[in-house]
């Protein structure tokens, strides 16, 4: 039983490590990797790596080729457009639901302000990883405020895919990072004012502008 548990833990570790490298751009689309290489890097056997690869293939991150390895999948041309529109719909719906329960708005706004402060501190210290994580947390908190667990889970997959496209490069441009912080401040204010119409416009502009920056 202990061996089974150890292999499961090793598979989880391999899954997390490889997925992190895909999302950060260290393993771009078109890269071929092998079970043996990852196993050696992590100091584990190939069996849990194989399990991790199967899971990553099921999620659409790679394609397995017997006796050759795993090919990291390229980003489909329309994928980012689809992600952008889905995110706008989900976040707008979440705020619509939230403002119908005024007693919850104050707590959500307080949480968002805490996350925004975390972003500001990360920006001051040029901590790109922390900045990207806080950005993810900011938008995830908005979605969670809608109270729909299924949409929150779906949103997490969208954010993973967009994170891969960003690969932290967006945060290296100071002017864009500053604009993101300003946008987040505005979105918080619109939620506090329970102005769902203005929020829809604001979040749409914010996400689409980020989209354009990625394509530059």
Protein backbone atom coordinates (compact mmCIF):
# COMPACT_ATOMS: atom_id res chain seq x y z
CA UNK A 1 0.00 0.00 0.00
CA UNK A 2 2.87 2.34 0.83
CA UNK A 3 4.43 1.62 -2.56
CA UNK A 4 1.16 2.42 -4.33
CA UNK A 5 0.89 5.67 -2.39
CA UNK A 6 4.51 6.55 -3.21
CA UNK A 7 3.96 5.94 -6.93
CA UNK A 8 0.79 8.06 -6.89
CA UNK A 9 2.67 10.88 -5.16
CA UNK A 10 5.51 10.59 -7.68
CA UNK A 11 3.01 10.71 -10.56
CA UNK A 12 1.44 13.85 -9.08
CA UNK A 13 4.88 15.44 -8.73
CA UNK A 14 5.81 14.59 -12.32
CA UNK A 15 2.47 15.90 -13.57
CA UNK A 16 2.87 19.19 -11.69
CA UNK A 17 6.48 19.67 -12.81
CA UNK A 18 5.89 19.04 -16.50
CA UNK A 19 2.68 21.07 -16.58
CA UNK A 20 4.43 23.99 -14.87
CA UNK A 21 7.15 23.93 -17.53
CA UNK A 22 4.54 23.90 -20.29
CA UNK A 23 2.63 26.82 -18.76
CA UNK A 24 5.80 28.85 -18.20
CA UNK A 25 6.96 28.35 -21.78
CA UNK A 26 9.99 26.25 -20.86
CA UNK A 27 8.47 23.46 -22.96
CA UNK A 28 7.01 25.24 -26.01
CA UNK A 29 4.73 23.63 -28.56
CA UNK A 30 6.58 21.25 -30.85
CA UNK A 31 9.02 20.08 -28.17
CA UNK A 32 9.51 16.32 -27.83
CA UNK A 33 10.25 15.01 -24.34
CA UNK A 34 10.81 11.50 -23.04
CA UNK A 35 9.74 9.61 -19.95
CA UNK A 36 13.36 8.80 -19.22
CA UNK A 37 14.51 12.41 -19.25
CA UNK A 38 11.80 13.54 -16.83
CA UNK A 39 12.33 10.49 -14.62
CA UNK A 40 16.05 11.26 -14.39
CA UNK A 41 15.40 14.93 -13.62
CA UNK A 42 13.03 14.05 -10.78
CA UNK A 43 14.91 11.01 -9.54
CA UNK A 44 11.95 8.66 -9.95
CA UNK A 45 11.09 5.63 -12.08
CA UNK A 46 9.43 5.87 -15.47
CA UNK A 47 6.12 4.39 -14.29
CA UNK A 48 4.82 7.51 -12.48
CA UNK A 49 6.10 9.68 -15.33
CA UNK A 50 4.10 7.57 -17.77
CA UNK A 51 1.00 8.11 -15.62
CA UNK A 52 1.67 11.85 -15.56
CA UNK A 53 2.05 11.92 -19.35
CA UNK A 54 -1.25 10.09 -19.82
CA UNK A 55 -2.97 12.65 -17.64
CA UNK A 56 -1.39 15.56 -19.52
CA UNK A 57 -2.42 14.01 -22.83
CA UNK A 58 -6.01 13.65 -21.59
CA UNK A 59 -6.00 17.36 -20.72
CA UNK A 60 -4.74 18.28 -24.19
CA UNK A 61 -1.24 19.45 -23.28
CA UNK A 62 0.69 16.78 -25.16
CA UNK A 63 0.39 13.85 -27.55
CA UNK A 64 2.08 10.52 -26.82
CA UNK A 65 3.99 8.56 -29.44
CA UNK A 66 4.96 4.99 -28.47
CA UNK A 67 8.74 4.46 -28.20
CA UNK A 68 9.37 8.09 -29.18
CA UNK A 69 8.09 10.19 -26.31
CA UNK A 70 5.60 13.00 -25.84
CA UNK A 71 5.11 15.95 -28.17
CA UNK A 72 4.01 19.21 -26.55
CA UNK A 73 0.99 20.42 -28.49
CA UNK A 74 1.08 23.71 -30.37
CA UNK A 75 -1.38 26.45 -29.48
CA UNK A 76 -4.26 26.44 -31.95
CA UNK A 77 -4.63 29.78 -33.82
CA UNK A 78 -8.18 30.44 -32.58
CA UNK A 79 -7.63 29.13 -29.08
CA UNK A 80 -6.75 32.48 -27.52
CA UNK A 81 -9.76 34.20 -29.12
CA UNK A 82 -12.03 31.52 -27.70
CA UNK A 83 -10.44 31.80 -24.25
CA UNK A 84 -10.86 35.58 -24.21
CA UNK A 85 -14.56 35.47 -25.06
CA UNK A 86 -15.24 32.66 -22.58
CA UNK A 87 -13.44 34.52 -19.78
CA UNK A 88 -15.42 37.70 -20.40
CA UNK A 89 -18.71 35.79 -20.31
CA UNK A 90 -17.83 33.92 -17.11
CA UNK A 91 -16.52 36.94 -15.18
CA UNK A 92 -19.44 39.12 -16.25
CA UNK A 93 -21.93 36.44 -15.21
CA UNK A 94 -20.20 36.08 -11.83
CA UNK A 95 -20.53 39.80 -11.09
CA UNK A 96 -24.17 39.82 -12.18
CA UNK A 97 -24.87 37.06 -9.66
CA UNK A 98 -22.82 38.75 -6.95
CA UNK A 99 -24.53 42.15 -7.12
CA UNK A 100 -27.87 40.46 -6.54
CA UNK A 101 -26.59 39.57 -3.08
CA UNK A 102 -25.42 42.98 -1.77
CA UNK A 103 -24.43 41.56 1.62
CA UNK A 104 -21.59 39.59 -0.04
CA UNK A 105 -20.12 42.43 -2.08
CA UNK A 106 -18.09 44.00 0.72
CA UNK A 107 -16.22 40.78 1.53
CA UNK A 108 -15.42 40.12 -2.12
CA UNK A 109 -14.15 43.67 -2.60
CA UNK A 110 -11.94 43.33 0.49
CA UNK A 111 -10.46 40.10 -0.88
CA UNK A 112 -9.80 41.70 -4.26
CA UNK A 113 -8.08 44.68 -2.64
CA UNK A 114 -5.81 42.30 -0.71
CA UNK A 115 -4.90 40.49 -3.92
CA UNK A 116 -4.29 43.78 -5.73
CA UNK A 117 -1.91 44.84 -2.97
CA UNK A 118 -0.09 41.53 -3.41
CA UNK A 119 0.23 42.33 -7.11
CA UNK A 120 1.61 45.78 -6.38
CA UNK A 121 4.23 44.37 -4.02
CA UNK A 122 5.22 41.75 -6.58
CA UNK A 123 5.56 44.45 -9.23
CA UNK A 124 7.72 46.64 -6.99
CA UNK A 125 10.05 43.70 -6.36
CA UNK A 126 10.01 42.58 -10.03
CA UNK A 127 8.74 39.15 -8.98
CA UNK A 128 7.19 38.01 -12.25
CA UNK A 129 6.06 34.62 -10.98
CA UNK A 130 4.33 36.13 -7.95
CA UNK A 131 2.77 38.83 -10.14
CA UNK A 132 1.33 36.27 -12.56
CA UNK A 133 0.01 34.13 -9.70
CA UNK A 134 -1.69 37.13 -8.10
CA UNK A 135 -3.27 38.04 -11.44
CA UNK A 136 -4.69 34.54 -11.65
CA UNK A 137 -5.96 34.78 -8.06
CA UNK A 138 -7.62 38.15 -8.77
CA UNK A 139 -9.75 36.90 -11.64
CA UNK A 140 -10.41 33.54 -9.96
CA UNK A 141 -11.82 35.40 -6.94
CA UNK A 142 -14.22 37.29 -9.18
CA UNK A 143 -15.43 34.05 -10.73
CA UNK A 144 -15.74 32.34 -7.34
CA UNK A 145 -17.92 35.22 -6.18
CA UNK A 146 -20.55 34.05 -8.66
CA UNK A 147 -21.06 30.92 -6.58
CA UNK A 148 -21.00 28.47 -9.48
CA UNK A 149 -18.48 25.71 -8.70
CA UNK A 150 -18.59 24.23 -12.20
CA UNK A 151 -17.80 27.57 -13.82
CA UNK A 152 -14.95 28.08 -11.35
CA UNK A 153 -13.44 24.75 -12.39
CA UNK A 154 -13.86 25.57 -16.08
CA UNK A 155 -12.35 29.00 -15.53
CA UNK A 156 -9.26 27.39 -13.96
CA UNK A 157 -8.61 25.48 -17.18
CA UNK A 158 -9.00 28.67 -19.22
CA UNK A 159 -6.52 30.50 -17.00
CA UNK A 160 -3.99 27.69 -17.37
CA UNK A 161 -4.20 27.93 -21.14
CA UNK A 162 -3.87 31.69 -21.17
CA UNK A 163 -0.97 31.51 -18.73
CA UNK A 164 0.85 29.30 -21.23
CA UNK A 165 0.32 31.91 -23.94
CA UNK A 166 1.53 34.70 -21.69
CA UNK A 167 4.57 32.71 -20.51
CA UNK A 168 5.33 35.69 -18.23
CA UNK A 169 6.52 37.78 -21.20
CA UNK A 170 3.64 40.24 -20.82
CA UNK A 171 4.77 41.15 -17.31
CA UNK A 172 8.21 42.17 -18.53
CA UNK A 173 6.75 45.35 -20.03
CA UNK A 174 6.45 47.87 -17.22
CA UNK A 175 3.83 50.00 -18.94
CA UNK A 176 1.54 47.01 -19.44
CA UNK A 177 1.98 45.76 -15.88
CA UNK A 178 1.08 49.22 -14.58
CA UNK A 179 -2.02 49.30 -16.79
CA UNK A 180 -3.12 45.89 -15.49
CA UNK A 181 -2.89 47.19 -11.93
CA UNK A 182 -4.92 50.27 -12.88
CA UNK A 183 -7.50 48.09 -14.63
CA UNK A 184 -7.85 45.90 -11.56
CA UNK A 185 -8.38 48.95 -9.36
CA UNK A 186 -11.17 50.07 -11.70
CA UNK A 187 -12.81 46.64 -11.73
CA UNK A 188 -12.82 46.56 -7.93
CA UNK A 189 -14.48 49.97 -7.82
CA UNK A 190 -17.17 48.89 -10.31
CA UNK A 191 -17.92 45.78 -8.24
CA UNK A 192 -18.10 47.90 -5.08
CA UNK A 193 -20.56 50.20 -6.88
CA UNK A 194 -22.52 47.13 -8.04
CA UNK A 195 -22.37 48.50 -11.59
CA UNK A 196 -22.58 45.28 -13.57
CA UNK A 197 -23.01 47.04 -16.92
CA UNK A 198 -19.85 49.11 -16.52
CA UNK A 199 -18.03 46.03 -15.22
CA UNK A 200 -18.89 44.11 -18.40
CA UNK A 201 -17.40 46.91 -20.49
CA UNK A 202 -14.36 47.26 -18.25
CA UNK A 203 -13.47 43.58 -17.98
CA UNK A 204 -14.00 43.13 -21.72
CA UNK A 205 -11.61 45.96 -22.51
CA UNK A 206 -9.09 44.70 -19.95
CA UNK A 207 -9.01 41.11 -21.22
CA UNK A 208 -9.05 42.03 -24.93
CA UNK A 209 -6.20 44.50 -24.44
CA UNK A 210 -4.18 41.76 -22.78
CA UNK A 211 -5.00 39.57 -25.78
CA UNK A 212 -3.61 42.18 -28.19
CA UNK A 213 -0.44 42.49 -26.12
CA UNK A 214 0.13 38.74 -26.32
CA UNK A 215 -0.12 38.85 -30.11
CA UNK A 216 2.45 41.64 -30.49
